[in-house]
Amino acid sequence: MPTSSPNTYRSLDDIRARKAVLREQLESGNTTMKTQWNTLFHKPKSNVPSKRVTTFMTTGATLFDGILLAWKLYNRFGGGKSHKATKQKSLLARLFQL
């Protein structure tokens, strides 16, 4: 084992012992980091039927909301024939005929 100061080594055995201690600390730190990473970014899968139904309904509502937004934007920016656009065209046509 190393003496009180980690930088003071008296033999190769002291260096090997310190190296073994550091390796164990690194490996334990690595395993704790892996478990924390997995708990942070990977949700546990649940087989409870109510959770599956809730997830399905949330996904469906989000999908419906996105489709409705796309349809509104399509109609708003000239994708579909709107009454306002035809009135403006007829008004412009009337002005140019005068």
N, C-alpha and C. Protein backbone atom coordinates (compact mmCIF):
# COMPACT_ATOMS: atom_id res chain seq x y z
N MET A 1 0.83 -1.19 0.00
CA MET A 1 0.00 0.00 0.00
C MET A 1 0.87 1.24 0.00
N PRO A 2 0.41 2.29 -0.66
CA PRO A 2 1.20 3.51 -0.67
C PRO A 2 1.19 4.18 0.70
N THR A 3 2.16 5.02 0.88
CA THR A 3 2.26 5.75 2.15
C THR A 3 1.22 6.85 2.18
N SER A 4 1.33 7.77 3.11
CA SER A 4 0.32 8.81 3.30
C SER A 4 0.18 9.71 2.06
N SER A 5 1.24 9.98 1.38
CA SER A 5 1.20 10.80 0.17
C SER A 5 1.12 9.89 -1.05
N PRO A 6 0.13 10.10 -1.97
CA PRO A 6 0.01 9.21 -3.11
C PRO A 6 1.16 9.32 -4.10
N ASN A 7 1.93 10.38 -4.07
CA ASN A 7 3.04 10.55 -5.00
C ASN A 7 4.35 9.94 -4.49
N THR A 8 4.37 9.45 -3.28
CA THR A 8 5.59 8.88 -2.73
C THR A 8 5.51 7.36 -2.82
N TYR A 9 6.35 6.79 -3.66
CA TYR A 9 6.39 5.35 -3.85
C TYR A 9 7.80 4.87 -3.54
N ARG A 10 7.88 3.72 -2.86
CA ARG A 10 9.19 3.20 -2.49
C ARG A 10 9.59 1.98 -3.29
N SER A 11 8.58 1.35 -3.94
CA SER A 11 8.91 0.15 -4.72
C SER A 11 7.88 -0.02 -5.84
N LEU A 12 8.17 -0.99 -6.69
CA LEU A 12 7.24 -1.29 -7.78
C LEU A 12 5.93 -1.87 -7.24
N ASP A 13 5.98 -2.56 -6.12
CA ASP A 13 4.77 -3.11 -5.52
C ASP A 13 3.82 -1.99 -5.07
N ASP A 14 4.39 -0.89 -4.56
CA ASP A 14 3.55 0.26 -4.18
C ASP A 14 2.84 0.84 -5.41
N ILE A 15 3.56 0.93 -6.51
CA ILE A 15 2.98 1.46 -7.74
C ILE A 15 1.88 0.53 -8.25
N ARG A 16 2.13 -0.79 -8.21
CA ARG A 16 1.14 -1.75 -8.68
C ARG A 16 -0.11 -1.72 -7.80
N ALA A 17 0.09 -1.58 -6.50
CA ALA A 17 -1.05 -1.53 -5.57
C ALA A 17 -1.89 -0.27 -5.83
N ARG A 18 -1.21 0.84 -6.04
CA ARG A 18 -1.93 2.09 -6.32
C ARG A 18 -2.68 2.00 -7.64
N LYS A 19 -2.05 1.37 -8.62
CA LYS A 19 -2.67 1.19 -9.92
C LYS A 19 -3.92 0.32 -9.80
N ALA A 20 -3.86 -0.72 -8.98
CA ALA A 20 -5.02 -1.60 -8.77
C ALA A 20 -6.16 -0.85 -8.09
N VAL A 21 -5.82 -0.02 -7.11
CA VAL A 21 -6.85 0.77 -6.41
C VAL A 21 -7.51 1.74 -7.37
N LEU A 22 -6.72 2.42 -8.18
CA LEU A 22 -7.27 3.38 -9.15
C LEU A 22 -8.13 2.68 -10.19
N ARG A 23 -7.72 1.50 -10.63
CA ARG A 23 -8.49 0.75 -11.62
C ARG A 23 -9.86 0.36 -11.03
N GLU A 24 -9.88 -0.08 -9.78
CA GLU A 24 -11.14 -0.43 -9.13
C GLU A 24 -12.05 0.79 -9.01
N GLN A 25 -11.48 1.94 -8.66
CA GLN A 25 -12.27 3.16 -8.54
C GLN A 25 -12.84 3.57 -9.90
N LEU A 26 -12.04 3.45 -10.95
CA LEU A 26 -12.52 3.78 -12.29
C LEU A 26 -13.65 2.85 -12.74
N GLU A 27 -13.51 1.57 -12.46
CA GLU A 27 -14.53 0.61 -12.86
C GLU A 27 -15.83 0.84 -12.09
N SER A 28 -15.72 1.14 -10.80
CA SER A 28 -16.95 1.40 -10.02
C SER A 28 -17.60 2.70 -10.49
N GLY A 29 -16.79 3.70 -10.79
CA GLY A 29 -17.34 4.95 -11.33
C GLY A 29 -17.99 4.73 -12.68
N ASN A 30 -17.40 3.87 -13.50
CA ASN A 30 -17.95 3.56 -14.81
C ASN A 30 -19.31 2.89 -14.68
N THR A 31 -19.43 1.94 -13.76
CA THR A 31 -20.72 1.26 -13.59
C THR A 31 -21.78 2.20 -13.06
N THR A 32 -21.42 3.10 -12.15
CA THR A 32 -22.42 4.06 -11.65
C THR A 32 -22.85 5.01 -12.76
N MET A 33 -21.90 5.45 -13.59
CA MET A 33 -22.26 6.32 -14.71
C MET A 33 -23.18 5.61 -15.69
N LYS A 34 -22.92 4.34 -15.97
CA LYS A 34 -23.77 3.58 -16.88
C LYS A 34 -25.19 3.46 -16.35
N THR A 35 -25.33 3.15 -15.07
CA THR A 35 -26.67 3.02 -14.50
C THR A 35 -27.40 4.35 -14.49
N GLN A 36 -26.70 5.43 -14.16
CA GLN A 36 -27.34 6.75 -14.17
C GLN A 36 -27.74 7.14 -15.59
N TRP A 37 -26.90 6.88 -16.57
CA TRP A 37 -27.22 7.19 -17.96
C TRP A 37 -28.46 6.42 -18.42
N ASN A 38 -28.51 5.13 -18.09
CA ASN A 38 -29.66 4.32 -18.51
C ASN A 38 -30.94 4.76 -17.83
N THR A 39 -30.88 5.13 -16.56
CA THR A 39 -32.10 5.59 -15.89
C THR A 39 -32.53 6.96 -16.39
N LEU A 40 -31.59 7.75 -16.87
CA LEU A 40 -31.93 9.09 -17.34
C LEU A 40 -32.54 9.07 -18.73
N PHE A 41 -32.02 8.27 -19.64
CA PHE A 41 -32.44 8.32 -21.03
C PHE A 41 -33.28 7.15 -21.50
N HIS A 42 -33.40 6.10 -20.74
CA HIS A 42 -34.20 4.96 -21.16
C HIS A 42 -35.33 4.75 -20.16
N LYS A 43 -36.56 4.95 -20.63
CA LYS A 43 -37.71 4.76 -19.77
C LYS A 43 -37.97 3.27 -19.60
N PRO A 44 -38.32 2.87 -18.40
CA PRO A 44 -38.65 1.45 -18.23
C PRO A 44 -39.97 1.13 -18.92
N LYS A 45 -40.01 0.00 -19.58
CA LYS A 45 -41.21 -0.40 -20.29
C LYS A 45 -42.18 -1.03 -19.30
N SER A 46 -43.42 -0.60 -19.37
CA SER A 46 -44.43 -1.17 -18.49
C SER A 46 -45.46 -1.91 -19.33
N ASN A 47 -45.92 -3.01 -18.82
CA ASN A 47 -46.90 -3.82 -19.53
C ASN A 47 -48.29 -3.63 -18.97
N VAL A 48 -48.51 -2.55 -18.23
CA VAL A 48 -49.81 -2.28 -17.67
C VAL A 48 -50.73 -1.83 -18.81
N PRO A 49 -51.89 -2.45 -18.96
CA PRO A 49 -52.78 -2.09 -20.07
C PRO A 49 -53.23 -0.64 -20.06
N SER A 50 -53.45 -0.07 -18.89
CA SER A 50 -53.90 1.33 -18.84
C SER A 50 -52.83 2.27 -19.39
N LYS A 51 -51.57 1.97 -19.13
CA LYS A 51 -50.49 2.81 -19.67
C LYS A 51 -50.42 2.70 -21.19
N ARG A 52 -50.62 1.49 -21.71
CA ARG A 52 -50.59 1.32 -23.16
C ARG A 52 -51.73 2.08 -23.82
N VAL A 53 -52.91 2.04 -23.23
CA VAL A 53 -54.07 2.76 -23.78
C VAL A 53 -53.83 4.26 -23.71
N THR A 54 -53.30 4.72 -22.59
CA THR A 54 -53.01 6.15 -22.43
C THR A 54 -51.98 6.61 -23.47
N THR A 55 -50.94 5.83 -23.67
CA THR A 55 -49.93 6.17 -24.66
C THR A 55 -50.51 6.19 -26.06
N PHE A 56 -51.36 5.21 -26.37
CA PHE A 56 -51.99 5.14 -27.68
C PHE A 56 -52.89 6.36 -27.92
N MET A 57 -53.67 6.75 -26.90
CA MET A 57 -54.56 7.89 -27.06
C MET A 57 -53.78 9.20 -27.18
N THR A 58 -52.70 9.33 -26.43
CA THR A 58 -51.87 10.53 -26.52
C THR A 58 -51.24 10.64 -27.90
N THR A 59 -50.74 9.55 -28.41
CA THR A 59 -50.14 9.54 -29.74
C THR A 59 -51.18 9.86 -30.80
N GLY A 60 -52.36 9.31 -30.67
CA GLY A 60 -53.43 9.58 -31.62
C GLY A 60 -53.86 11.04 -31.61
N ALA A 61 -53.98 11.62 -30.40
CA ALA A 61 -54.38 13.03 -30.30
C ALA A 61 -53.30 13.93 -30.90
N THR A 62 -52.04 13.62 -30.67
CA THR A 62 -50.95 14.41 -31.25
C THR A 62 -50.95 14.31 -32.76
N LEU A 63 -51.17 13.12 -33.28
CA LEU A 63 -51.22 12.93 -34.72
C LEU A 63 -52.39 13.70 -35.34
N PHE A 64 -53.55 13.64 -34.71
CA PHE A 64 -54.72 14.37 -35.20
C PHE A 64 -54.46 15.87 -35.18
N ASP A 65 -53.84 16.36 -34.11
CA ASP A 65 -53.53 17.79 -34.00
C ASP A 65 -52.56 18.22 -35.10
N GLY A 66 -51.58 17.41 -35.41
CA GLY A 66 -50.64 17.74 -36.48
C GLY A 66 -51.30 17.76 -37.84
N ILE A 67 -52.19 16.80 -38.09
CA ILE A 67 -52.91 16.76 -39.37
C ILE A 67 -53.82 17.98 -39.50
N LEU A 68 -54.50 18.34 -38.42
CA LEU A 68 -55.38 19.51 -38.44
C LEU A 68 -54.59 20.79 -38.68
N LEU A 69 -53.43 20.92 -38.06
CA LEU A 69 -52.58 22.09 -38.28
C LEU A 69 -52.11 22.16 -39.73
N ALA A 70 -51.70 21.02 -40.28
CA ALA A 70 -51.25 21.00 -41.68
C ALA A 70 -52.39 21.40 -42.61
N TRP A 71 -53.59 20.92 -42.35
CA TRP A 71 -54.74 21.26 -43.19
C TRP A 71 -55.05 22.76 -43.12
N LYS A 72 -55.01 23.32 -41.92
CA LYS A 72 -55.27 24.76 -41.77
C LYS A 72 -54.21 25.59 -42.48
N LEU A 73 -52.95 25.20 -42.36
CA LEU A 73 -51.89 25.95 -43.04
C LEU A 73 -52.00 25.81 -44.56
N TYR A 74 -52.38 24.64 -45.02
CA TYR A 74 -52.56 24.40 -46.44
C TYR A 74 -53.65 25.32 -46.99
N ASN A 75 -54.76 25.40 -46.30
CA ASN A 75 -55.85 26.26 -46.75
C ASN A 75 -55.53 27.73 -46.58
N ARG A 76 -54.80 28.08 -45.56
CA ARG A 76 -54.49 29.48 -45.29
C ARG A 76 -53.55 30.07 -46.33
N PHE A 77 -52.57 29.33 -46.76
CA PHE A 77 -51.56 29.87 -47.66
C PHE A 77 -51.75 29.43 -49.10
N GLY A 78 -52.98 29.36 -49.54
CA GLY A 78 -53.26 29.19 -50.96
C GLY A 78 -53.26 27.78 -51.49
N GLY A 79 -53.23 26.80 -50.65
CA GLY A 79 -53.27 25.44 -51.15
C GLY A 79 -54.66 25.06 -51.64
N GLY A 80 -55.67 25.51 -50.93
CA GLY A 80 -57.04 25.22 -51.31
C GLY A 80 -57.72 26.47 -51.84
N LYS A 81 -58.86 26.29 -52.47
CA LYS A 81 -59.62 27.44 -52.98
C LYS A 81 -60.41 28.03 -51.83
N SER A 82 -60.12 29.25 -51.47
CA SER A 82 -60.88 29.91 -50.40
C SER A 82 -61.77 30.98 -51.01
N HIS A 83 -62.81 31.32 -50.29
CA HIS A 83 -63.76 32.33 -50.78
C HIS A 83 -63.11 33.70 -50.87
N LYS A 84 -62.21 33.99 -49.95
CA LYS A 84 -61.54 35.28 -49.95
C LYS A 84 -60.69 35.45 -51.21
N ALA A 85 -60.00 34.42 -51.63
CA ALA A 85 -59.15 34.51 -52.82
C ALA A 85 -59.99 34.73 -54.07
N THR A 86 -61.15 34.07 -54.19
CA THR A 86 -61.99 34.25 -55.38
C THR A 86 -62.61 35.63 -55.39
N LYS A 87 -62.97 36.18 -54.24
CA LYS A 87 -63.52 37.54 -54.20
C LYS A 87 -62.46 38.54 -54.62
N GLN A 88 -61.22 38.35 -54.18
CA GLN A 88 -60.16 39.27 -54.57
C GLN A 88 -59.91 39.20 -56.07
N LYS A 89 -59.95 38.02 -56.63
CA LYS A 89 -59.74 37.90 -58.06
C LYS A 89 -60.86 38.58 -58.83
N SER A 90 -62.06 38.42 -58.39
CA SER A 90 -63.16 39.04 -59.12
C SER A 90 -63.11 40.56 -58.96
N LEU A 91 -62.70 41.05 -57.81
CA LEU A 91 -62.58 42.49 -57.62
C LEU A 91 -61.48 43.04 -58.52
N LEU A 92 -60.32 42.36 -58.59
CA LEU A 92 -59.24 42.81 -59.47
C LEU A 92 -59.69 42.74 -60.93
N ALA A 93 -60.42 41.72 -61.28
CA ALA A 93 -60.91 41.61 -62.65
C ALA A 93 -61.85 42.77 -62.98
N ARG A 94 -62.67 43.16 -62.04
CA ARG A 94 -63.57 44.29 -62.25
C ARG A 94 -62.80 45.59 -62.42
N LEU A 95 -61.75 45.79 -61.64
CA LEU A 95 -60.97 47.01 -61.74
C LEU A 95 -60.27 47.12 -63.10
N PHE A 96 -59.77 46.03 -63.62
CA PHE A 96 -59.06 46.07 -64.87
C PHE A 96 -60.01 46.18 -66.06
N GLN A 97 -61.25 45.80 -65.89
CA GLN A 97 -62.21 45.93 -66.98
C GLN A 97 -62.68 47.34 -67.16
N LEU A 98 -62.57 48.19 -66.14
CA LEU A 98 -63.03 49.58 -66.26
C LEU A 98 -62.19 50.36 -67.15
